[in-house]
Amino acid sequence: MSSRPTSEQRHEFGSFLSSRRARLQPAEFGLPDGPRRTPGLRREEVAVLAGVSVSWYTWLEQGRDIQPSADALRRISKVLKLDRVESAHLYALCGLEMPAAAPAAGISPGLEMLVRAINPIPAYVRNAQLDILAWNDAIAELFVDYGSLQPHERNTLRLLFLYIPYRTLILDWEQMARGMIHTFRASRAQAQDKAPFDRLIEELSELSPEFRAWWPDTEVKGFDEGSKRLKHPISGHIDFTYVALTPEGRPDLSLVTYIPRHAASDPQS
């Protein structure tokens, strides 16, 4: 949602542009690298590279009362080689929200290290399609050895409906399965690329009567915090609180942890 920037924001915006322009090297753009009065690119060079007029770009750096479009900011950000945080700051100073970027593939080494370091708290990282991308030993012992599965099989929704050892672990299975469908439906609506979602919908609709019956409803919900009850073959009845956190800059990922509330032997097991 946009709002008109204040005079103070416009001048901060202009100073920010100028400072980022000053750190660029002309040679990076194939420009002559001879003596210059000030470091970095000239205003007219940035304007030409960004596809805007020199006078208009000059007014931006001067903090004049003009409102650049999101597309113009995108092109200027690219020329100035701004990172994600800097680009978001540029948009915010103009009273605009930065368009969502396409999610990167995979996960960072640091996030994978974190999942393993959390052990013995069961944890995994999954994406918007509910594919499980990284996990620790504790959650593999709790649910399933994800490493023994093919990559396309490491999907929470698929496991819930098609993998009997996983399915039989979960008490209140129908409630959990329906809730996961609601989460999946909400994620699909927000996704730019719906093909991975649709492939899984097609497979589950063919192989699972329950999924086929429940998918047409319209409920949606998030997956951030709640409870899950398991009947584990070794540990018995266990109640968990699950907490899902979104890593900074990766809205397509969730770090999901399962915190035991208590563990007790199931008298019927």
Protein backbone atom coordinates (compact mmCIF):
# COMPACT_ATOMS: atom_id res chain seq x y z
CA MET A 1 0.00 0.00 0.00
CA SER A 2 1.52 3.32 -1.07
CA SER A 3 1.64 6.61 0.84
CA ARG A 4 3.04 9.98 -0.17
CA PRO A 5 6.56 10.39 1.25
CA THR A 6 7.30 13.35 3.52
CA SER A 7 9.85 16.04 2.70
CA GLU A 8 12.25 14.40 5.15
CA GLN A 9 11.83 11.01 3.43
CA ARG A 10 12.42 12.55 0.00
CA HIS A 11 15.69 14.12 1.10
CA GLU A 12 16.77 10.89 2.81
CA PHE A 13 15.88 9.08 -0.42
CA GLY A 14 18.02 11.48 -2.48
CA SER A 15 20.98 11.13 -0.11
CA PHE A 16 20.65 7.35 -0.23
CA LEU A 17 20.70 7.34 -4.05
CA SER A 18 23.74 9.61 -4.10
CA SER A 19 25.68 7.50 -1.61
CA ARG A 20 25.00 4.27 -3.52
CA ARG A 21 25.93 5.90 -6.82
CA ALA A 22 29.24 7.02 -5.33
CA ARG A 23 30.35 3.48 -4.48
CA LEU A 24 30.02 2.16 -8.05
CA GLN A 25 33.04 1.68 -10.30
CA PRO A 26 32.66 2.99 -13.88
CA ALA A 27 34.66 0.06 -15.22
CA GLU A 28 31.92 -2.32 -14.00
CA PHE A 29 29.65 -0.78 -16.62
CA GLY A 30 32.20 -0.47 -19.41
CA LEU A 31 32.56 3.28 -18.84
CA PRO A 32 35.84 5.25 -19.00
CA ASP A 33 37.62 5.08 -15.66
CA GLY A 34 39.56 8.34 -15.94
CA PRO A 35 39.79 11.17 -13.40
CA ARG A 36 36.42 12.28 -11.98
CA ARG A 37 35.47 15.15 -9.70
CA THR A 38 33.59 12.78 -7.40
CA PRO A 39 33.80 8.99 -6.91
CA GLY A 40 31.39 6.61 -8.59
CA LEU A 41 29.08 7.13 -11.54
CA ARG A 42 27.73 10.46 -12.69
CA ARG A 43 24.01 11.16 -12.41
CA GLU A 44 23.60 11.14 -16.17
CA GLU A 45 25.26 7.72 -16.39
CA VAL A 46 22.89 6.21 -13.84
CA ALA A 47 19.94 7.80 -15.63
CA VAL A 48 20.92 6.35 -19.02
CA LEU A 49 21.58 2.89 -17.55
CA ALA A 50 18.22 2.92 -15.75
CA GLY A 51 16.31 4.18 -18.78
CA VAL A 52 15.09 7.45 -17.20
CA SER A 53 15.71 11.07 -18.10
CA VAL A 54 18.73 12.84 -16.63
CA SER A 55 16.68 15.75 -15.29
CA TRP A 56 14.13 13.42 -13.64
CA TYR A 57 16.85 11.37 -11.93
CA THR A 58 18.56 14.60 -10.81
CA TRP A 59 15.29 15.74 -9.23
CA LEU A 60 15.12 12.43 -7.33
CA GLU A 61 18.54 12.99 -5.79
CA GLN A 62 17.56 16.57 -4.99
CA GLY A 63 14.57 15.35 -3.00
CA ARG A 64 11.97 17.05 -5.16
CA ASP A 65 8.28 16.20 -4.76
CA ILE A 66 7.97 13.57 -7.48
CA GLN A 67 6.70 10.01 -7.11
CA PRO A 68 8.70 7.32 -8.98
CA SER A 69 6.91 4.18 -10.08
CA ALA A 70 7.76 0.75 -8.72
CA ASP A 71 9.19 -0.19 -12.14
CA ALA A 72 11.49 2.84 -12.18
CA LEU A 73 12.73 1.97 -8.68
CA ARG A 74 13.37 -1.60 -9.80
CA ARG A 75 15.56 -0.40 -12.67
CA ILE A 76 17.42 2.11 -10.50
CA SER A 77 17.98 -0.56 -7.82
CA LYS A 78 19.47 -2.86 -10.44
CA VAL A 79 21.86 -0.20 -11.74
CA LEU A 80 22.95 0.76 -8.22
CA LYS A 81 23.49 -2.95 -7.38
CA LEU A 82 21.36 -2.75 -4.26
CA ASP A 83 20.89 -5.88 -2.17
CA ARG A 84 17.48 -6.98 -0.89
CA VAL A 85 17.60 -4.89 2.29
CA GLU A 86 18.81 -1.78 0.46
CA SER A 87 16.13 -2.17 -2.22
CA ALA A 88 13.40 -2.52 0.42
CA HIS A 89 14.74 0.65 2.09
CA LEU A 90 14.61 2.51 -1.23
CA TYR A 91 10.98 1.52 -1.79
CA ALA A 92 10.03 2.36 1.80
CA LEU A 93 11.44 5.89 1.51
CA CYS A 94 9.12 6.36 -1.47
CA GLY A 95 6.12 5.02 0.44
CA LEU A 96 5.99 1.87 -1.71
CA GLU A 97 6.17 -1.82 -0.89
CA MET A 98 8.89 -3.72 -2.70
CA PRO A 99 7.45 -6.40 -5.04
CA ALA A 100 7.99 -9.93 -3.81
CA ALA A 101 10.96 -11.64 -5.41
CA ALA A 102 10.80 -15.14 -6.80
CA PRO A 103 12.01 -17.49 -4.05
CA ALA A 104 15.52 -18.84 -4.32
CA ALA A 105 15.99 -22.55 -4.82
CA GLY A 106 16.98 -24.69 -1.86
CA ILE A 107 18.05 -23.43 1.55
CA SER A 108 21.16 -21.72 2.86
CA PRO A 109 23.97 -23.69 4.56
CA GLY A 110 23.38 -21.68 7.74
CA LEU A 111 19.71 -22.67 7.91
CA GLU A 112 20.59 -26.31 7.37
CA MET A 113 23.17 -26.08 10.17
CA LEU A 114 20.56 -24.54 12.47
CA VAL A 115 18.12 -27.41 11.90
CA ARG A 116 20.79 -29.93 12.88
CA ALA A 117 21.98 -27.85 15.85
CA ILE A 118 18.45 -27.73 17.33
CA ASN A 119 18.64 -31.50 17.90
CA PRO A 120 17.29 -33.13 20.13
CA ILE A 121 14.27 -30.87 19.50
CA PRO A 122 12.65 -32.36 16.37
CA ALA A 123 12.81 -29.87 13.50
CA TYR A 124 12.70 -29.59 9.73
CA VAL A 125 12.55 -26.93 7.02
CA ARG A 126 9.87 -27.08 4.38
CA ASN A 127 8.78 -24.91 1.48
CA ALA A 128 5.38 -23.53 0.46
CA GLN A 129 4.48 -26.80 -1.30
CA LEU A 130 5.17 -28.60 2.02
CA ASP A 131 8.28 -30.32 0.61
CA ILE A 132 10.70 -31.17 3.43
CA LEU A 133 14.12 -29.80 2.47
CA ALA A 134 16.22 -30.36 5.62
CA TRP A 135 15.70 -32.20 8.88
CA ASN A 136 17.50 -33.39 12.01
CA ASP A 137 17.88 -36.83 13.56
CA ALA A 138 15.24 -36.19 16.22
CA ILE A 139 12.41 -35.60 13.76
CA ALA A 140 13.52 -38.52 11.58
CA GLU A 141 13.26 -40.78 14.64
CA LEU A 142 9.87 -39.29 15.50
CA PHE A 143 8.19 -39.50 12.08
CA VAL A 144 10.14 -41.20 9.31
CA ASP A 145 13.69 -41.48 8.00
CA TYR A 146 13.33 -38.82 5.31
CA GLY A 147 16.71 -39.78 3.88
CA SER A 148 15.31 -43.18 2.91
CA LEU A 149 12.62 -41.55 0.75
CA GLN A 150 12.88 -40.19 -2.76
CA PRO A 151 12.91 -36.35 -2.88
CA HIS A 152 9.37 -36.16 -4.31
CA GLU A 153 8.14 -38.36 -1.44
CA ARG A 154 9.42 -35.92 1.22
CA ASN A 155 6.23 -33.90 1.27
CA THR A 156 4.05 -33.49 4.35
CA LEU A 157 0.76 -33.67 2.46
CA ARG A 158 1.83 -36.68 0.43
CA LEU A 159 3.05 -38.49 3.55
CA LEU A 160 -0.20 -37.76 5.38
CA PHE A 161 -2.35 -39.33 2.68
CA LEU A 162 -0.18 -41.97 1.02
CA TYR A 163 2.43 -43.22 3.51
CA ILE A 164 0.77 -45.60 5.98
CA PRO A 165 3.57 -45.64 8.64
CA TYR A 166 3.39 -41.83 8.80
CA ARG A 167 -0.38 -41.70 8.72
CA THR A 168 -0.87 -44.19 11.55
CA LEU A 169 1.42 -42.21 13.87
CA ILE A 170 -0.98 -39.29 14.07
CA LEU A 171 -3.94 -39.28 16.41
CA ASP A 172 -6.75 -37.02 15.14
CA TRP A 173 -5.49 -37.81 11.65
CA GLU A 174 -8.53 -36.45 9.81
CA GLN A 175 -8.36 -33.12 11.61
CA MET A 176 -4.64 -32.80 10.88
CA ALA A 177 -5.01 -33.89 7.25
CA ARG A 178 -7.85 -31.46 6.56
CA GLY A 179 -5.90 -28.66 8.23
CA MET A 180 -2.87 -29.38 6.07
CA ILE A 181 -5.05 -29.19 2.96
CA HIS A 182 -6.23 -25.77 4.11
CA THR A 183 -2.62 -24.62 4.52
CA PHE A 184 -1.65 -26.04 1.12
CA ARG A 185 -4.61 -24.32 -0.56
CA ALA A 186 -3.65 -20.94 0.91
CA SER A 187 -0.02 -21.37 -0.18
CA ARG A 188 -1.03 -22.34 -3.71
CA ALA A 189 -3.17 -19.20 -4.10
CA GLN A 190 -0.19 -17.00 -3.22
CA ALA A 191 2.37 -18.86 -5.34
CA GLN A 192 3.55 -17.42 -8.65
CA ASP A 193 4.32 -20.90 -10.00
CA LYS A 194 1.37 -23.17 -9.34
CA ALA A 195 2.63 -26.12 -11.39
CA PRO A 196 4.32 -27.99 -8.47
CA PHE A 197 1.13 -27.63 -6.42
CA ASP A 198 -1.06 -28.85 -9.27
CA ARG A 199 1.10 -31.92 -9.91
CA LEU A 200 0.67 -33.00 -6.29
CA ILE A 201 -3.07 -32.25 -6.35
CA GLU A 202 -3.42 -34.45 -9.43
CA GLU A 203 -1.48 -37.32 -7.84
CA LEU A 204 -3.31 -37.20 -4.51
CA SER A 205 -6.72 -36.88 -6.18
CA GLU A 206 -5.99 -40.05 -8.12
CA LEU A 207 -4.56 -42.10 -5.24
CA SER A 208 -6.43 -40.90 -2.13
CA PRO A 209 -10.23 -41.00 -1.83
CA GLU A 210 -10.08 -38.75 1.25
CA PHE A 211 -8.03 -36.09 -0.49
CA ARG A 212 -10.30 -36.26 -3.55
CA ALA A 213 -13.35 -35.70 -1.30
CA TRP A 214 -11.85 -32.91 0.81
CA TRP A 215 -9.91 -30.86 -1.75
CA PRO A 216 -12.99 -29.12 -3.28
CA ASP A 217 -13.86 -27.26 -0.05
CA THR A 218 -12.80 -23.62 0.32
CA GLU A 219 -11.21 -23.40 3.77
CA VAL A 220 -7.76 -21.81 4.13
CA LYS A 221 -5.51 -21.30 7.13
CA GLY A 222 -1.93 -20.65 8.07
CA PHE A 223 0.44 -23.01 9.86
CA ASP A 224 2.25 -21.19 12.63
CA GLU A 225 1.55 -22.78 16.02
CA GLY A 226 -0.64 -25.58 17.32
CA SER A 227 -0.69 -29.05 18.82
CA LYS A 228 -0.23 -32.54 17.47
CA ARG A 229 -0.75 -35.88 19.20
CA LEU A 230 1.20 -38.96 18.22
CA LYS A 231 0.99 -42.64 19.07
CA HIS A 232 4.63 -43.59 18.64
CA PRO A 233 5.54 -47.31 18.37
CA ILE A 234 8.43 -46.87 20.85
CA SER A 235 7.71 -43.77 22.93
CA GLY A 236 3.96 -44.25 23.24
CA HIS A 237 1.53 -41.34 23.39
CA ILE A 238 3.28 -37.98 22.95
CA ASP A 239 1.74 -34.52 22.82
CA PHE A 240 3.63 -31.82 20.93
CA THR A 241 3.39 -28.09 20.45
CA TYR A 242 4.59 -27.25 16.96
CA VAL A 243 5.92 -23.80 16.11
CA ALA A 244 6.62 -22.68 12.54
CA LEU A 245 8.93 -19.70 11.94
CA THR A 246 9.69 -17.95 8.64
CA PRO A 247 13.38 -17.17 7.98
CA GLU A 248 14.15 -13.53 7.21
CA GLY A 249 13.98 -12.93 3.47
CA ARG A 250 12.54 -16.39 2.67
CA PRO A 251 8.74 -16.18 2.99
CA ASP A 252 8.51 -19.43 1.04
CA LEU A 253 10.18 -21.42 3.85
CA SER A 254 9.15 -22.52 7.33
CA LEU A 255 11.35 -23.82 10.12
CA VAL A 256 9.04 -26.19 12.00
CA THR A 257 9.90 -27.42 15.50
CA TYR A 258 8.03 -29.99 17.60
CA ILE A 259 8.33 -29.40 21.36
CA PRO A 260 7.19 -32.34 23.56
CA ARG A 261 4.65 -31.28 26.17
CA HIS A 262 4.80 -34.63 27.92
CA ALA A 263 5.56 -38.24 27.10
CA ALA A 264 3.78 -41.20 28.60
CA SER A 265 3.22 -44.79 27.67
CA ASP A 266 -0.10 -45.47 26.01
CA PRO A 267 -1.93 -48.06 28.14
CA GLN A 268 -3.50 -49.49 24.98
CA SER A 269 -0.23 -49.86 23.11
